[in-house]
Amino acid sequence: MYEMMCGRLPFCNQDHEKLFELILMEDIKFPCTLSSDAKSLLSRLLMKDPNKRHREAILYTPWQTIHTLASHTHPGQPNTPWPTGLQKALLTIHWKLLQFYLT
């Protein structure tokens, strides 16, 4: 998710031992263009201590729209259009991310 939002990996090194050291010891740096909501989400998901990591953090973000979009595109609601191709793609990606981070 960090790579998707920032366009790069949070840590990178050809030497695997050095990479593991960076992951365990270095603070995560965020681009200045990243929103505070995005920084907050990524910080909670990438906590060093797994016991403090907020795997459910993704459910409580401004991007959590799957239920909102789904409720507005339900076939039982009259005059409500089905999602467009882009909306369907975003819902699919969103759902897969939720499944990945919650399992």
C-alpha atoms as a PDB file:
ATOM      1  CA  MET A   1       0.000   0.000   0.000  1.00  0.00           C
ATOM      2  CA  TYR A   2       2.917   2.328   0.782  1.00  0.00           C
ATOM      3  CA  GLU A   3       4.335   1.722  -2.680  1.00  0.00           C
ATOM      4  CA  MET A   4       0.956   2.331  -4.277  1.00  0.00           C
ATOM      5  CA  MET A   5       0.482   5.654  -2.449  1.00  0.00           C
ATOM      6  CA  CYS A   6       4.068   6.923  -2.527  1.00  0.00           C
ATOM      7  CA  GLY A   7       5.375   5.469  -5.774  1.00  0.00           C
ATOM      8  CA  ARG A   8       8.324   3.780  -4.095  1.00  0.00           C
ATOM      9  CA  LEU A   9       9.109   1.222  -1.420  1.00  0.00           C
ATOM     10  CA  PRO A  10       9.483   2.422   2.184  1.00  0.00           C
ATOM     11  CA  PHE A  11      12.913   0.757   2.381  1.00  0.00           C
ATOM     12  CA  CYS A  12      15.189  -0.425  -0.381  1.00  0.00           C
ATOM     13  CA  ASN A  13      18.617  -2.038  -0.417  1.00  0.00           C
ATOM     14  CA  GLN A  14      20.222  -4.730  -2.573  1.00  0.00           C
ATOM     15  CA  ASP A  15      21.794  -6.299   0.532  1.00  0.00           C
ATOM     16  CA  HIS A  16      19.040  -8.299   2.263  1.00  0.00           C
ATOM     17  CA  GLU A  17      20.655  -8.028   5.700  1.00  0.00           C
ATOM     18  CA  LYS A  18      20.851  -4.248   5.368  1.00  0.00           C
ATOM     19  CA  LEU A  19      17.249  -4.174   4.091  1.00  0.00           C
ATOM     20  CA  PHE A  20      16.034  -6.120   7.142  1.00  0.00           C
ATOM     21  CA  GLU A  21      17.973  -3.752   9.387  1.00  0.00           C
ATOM     22  CA  LEU A  22      16.328  -0.755   7.710  1.00  0.00           C
ATOM     23  CA  ILE A  23      12.881  -2.305   8.107  1.00  0.00           C
ATOM     24  CA  LEU A  24      13.458  -2.996  11.795  1.00  0.00           C
ATOM     25  CA  MET A  25      15.330   0.150  12.810  1.00  0.00           C
ATOM     26  CA  GLU A  26      14.650   3.089  10.472  1.00  0.00           C
ATOM     27  CA  ASP A  27      11.690   5.427  10.669  1.00  0.00           C
ATOM     28  CA  ILE A  28       9.402   5.484   7.672  1.00  0.00           C
ATOM     29  CA  LYS A  29       9.701   8.638   5.599  1.00  0.00           C
ATOM     30  CA  PHE A  30       6.722   9.993   3.709  1.00  0.00           C
ATOM     31  CA  PRO A  31       6.669  12.310   0.688  1.00  0.00           C
ATOM     32  CA  CYS A  32       5.581  15.838   1.600  1.00  0.00           C
ATOM     33  CA  THR A  33       2.786  15.526  -0.971  1.00  0.00           C
ATOM     34  CA  LEU A  34       1.108  12.678   0.937  1.00  0.00           C
ATOM     35  CA  SER A  35      -1.998  13.706   2.883  1.00  0.00           C
ATOM     36  CA  SER A  36      -2.041  13.522   6.666  1.00  0.00           C
ATOM     37  CA  ASP A  37      -4.800  10.875   6.459  1.00  0.00           C
ATOM     38  CA  ALA A  38      -2.616   8.718   4.211  1.00  0.00           C
ATOM     39  CA  LYS A  39       0.405   9.171   6.499  1.00  0.00           C
ATOM     40  CA  SER A  40      -1.702   8.230   9.509  1.00  0.00           C
ATOM     41  CA  LEU A  41      -3.043   5.098   7.834  1.00  0.00           C
ATOM     42  CA  LEU A  42       0.358   3.919   6.630  1.00  0.00           C
ATOM     43  CA  SER A  43       1.952   4.655  10.013  1.00  0.00           C
ATOM     44  CA  ARG A  44      -0.647   2.510  11.764  1.00  0.00           C
ATOM     45  CA  LEU A  45      -0.324  -0.333   9.261  1.00  0.00           C
ATOM     46  CA  LEU A  46       3.494  -0.301   9.286  1.00  0.00           C
ATOM     47  CA  MET A  47       4.157  -0.183  13.032  1.00  0.00           C
ATOM     48  CA  LYS A  48       7.445  -1.912  13.880  1.00  0.00           C
ATOM     49  CA  ASP A  49       5.899  -3.825  16.781  1.00  0.00           C
ATOM     50  CA  PRO A  50       3.367  -6.300  15.327  1.00  0.00           C
ATOM     51  CA  ASN A  51       1.405  -6.211  18.593  1.00  0.00           C
ATOM     52  CA  LYS A  52       0.802  -2.483  18.106  1.00  0.00           C
ATOM     53  CA  ARG A  53       0.053  -2.738  14.385  1.00  0.00           C
ATOM     54  CA  HIS A  54      -3.484  -1.684  13.472  1.00  0.00           C
ATOM     55  CA  ARG A  55      -4.537  -4.188  10.832  1.00  0.00           C
ATOM     56  CA  GLU A  56      -8.086  -2.870  11.001  1.00  0.00           C
ATOM     57  CA  ALA A  57      -6.925   0.729  10.455  1.00  0.00           C
ATOM     58  CA  ILE A  58      -7.906   0.560   6.821  1.00  0.00           C
ATOM     59  CA  LEU A  59     -11.553   0.161   7.827  1.00  0.00           C
ATOM     60  CA  TYR A  60     -11.644   3.574   9.485  1.00  0.00           C
ATOM     61  CA  THR A  61     -10.160   5.821   6.824  1.00  0.00           C
ATOM     62  CA  PRO A  62     -11.644   8.335   4.417  1.00  0.00           C
ATOM     63  CA  TRP A  63     -11.027   5.792   1.653  1.00  0.00           C
ATOM     64  CA  GLN A  64     -13.281   3.207   3.241  1.00  0.00           C
ATOM     65  CA  THR A  65     -16.058   3.514   0.715  1.00  0.00           C
ATOM     66  CA  ILE A  66     -16.949  -0.046  -0.183  1.00  0.00           C
ATOM     67  CA  HIS A  67     -20.094  -0.067   1.948  1.00  0.00           C
ATOM     68  CA  THR A  68     -21.124   3.397   0.793  1.00  0.00           C
ATOM     69  CA  LEU A  69     -20.667   2.583  -2.883  1.00  0.00           C
ATOM     70  CA  ALA A  70     -22.258  -0.833  -2.490  1.00  0.00           C
ATOM     71  CA  SER A  71     -25.323   0.608  -0.766  1.00  0.00           C
ATOM     72  CA  HIS A  72     -25.810   3.128  -3.576  1.00  0.00           C
ATOM     73  CA  THR A  73     -25.470   0.548  -6.304  1.00  0.00           C
ATOM     74  CA  HIS A  74     -27.605  -2.247  -4.902  1.00  0.00           C
ATOM     75  CA  PRO A  75     -30.019  -3.687  -7.484  1.00  0.00           C
ATOM     76  CA  GLY A  76     -32.900  -3.461  -5.008  1.00  0.00           C
ATOM     77  CA  GLN A  77     -32.691   0.323  -4.907  1.00  0.00           C
ATOM     78  CA  PRO A  78     -34.708   1.850  -7.725  1.00  0.00           C
ATOM     79  CA  ASN A  79     -33.168   4.517  -9.942  1.00  0.00           C
ATOM     80  CA  THR A  80     -29.695   3.692  -8.668  1.00  0.00           C
ATOM     81  CA  PRO A  81     -27.207   2.886 -11.414  1.00  0.00           C
ATOM     82  CA  TRP A  82     -24.831  -0.027 -11.255  1.00  0.00           C
ATOM     83  CA  PRO A  83     -21.196   1.011 -10.760  1.00  0.00           C
ATOM     84  CA  THR A  84     -19.219   2.114 -13.770  1.00  0.00           C
ATOM     85  CA  GLY A  85     -16.231   0.106 -14.965  1.00  0.00           C
ATOM     86  CA  LEU A  86     -13.892   2.311 -12.934  1.00  0.00           C
ATOM     87  CA  GLN A  87     -16.034   1.999  -9.808  1.00  0.00           C
ATOM     88  CA  LYS A  88     -16.122  -1.786 -10.211  1.00  0.00           C
ATOM     89  CA  ALA A  89     -12.339  -1.876 -10.566  1.00  0.00           C
ATOM     90  CA  LEU A  90     -11.874   0.323  -7.491  1.00  0.00           C
ATOM     91  CA  LEU A  91     -14.299  -1.779  -5.468  1.00  0.00           C
ATOM     92  CA  THR A  92     -12.441  -4.936  -6.477  1.00  0.00           C
ATOM     93  CA  ILE A  93      -9.054  -3.475  -5.524  1.00  0.00           C
ATOM     94  CA  HIS A  94     -10.450  -2.079  -2.268  1.00  0.00           C
ATOM     95  CA  TRP A  95     -12.019  -5.416  -1.332  1.00  0.00           C
ATOM     96  CA  LYS A  96      -8.792  -7.332  -2.097  1.00  0.00           C
ATOM     97  CA  LEU A  97      -6.782  -4.902   0.039  1.00  0.00           C
ATOM     98  CA  LEU A  98      -9.221  -5.334   2.912  1.00  0.00           C
ATOM     99  CA  GLN A  99      -9.001  -9.114   2.655  1.00  0.00           C
ATOM    100  CA  PHE A 100      -5.189  -9.000   2.489  1.00  0.00           C
ATOM    101  CA  TYR A 101      -4.735  -6.735   5.506  1.00  0.00           C
ATOM    102  CA  LEU A 102      -7.359  -8.432   7.667  1.00  0.00           C
ATOM    103  CA  THR A 103      -6.121 -11.996   7.173  1.00  0.00           C
END
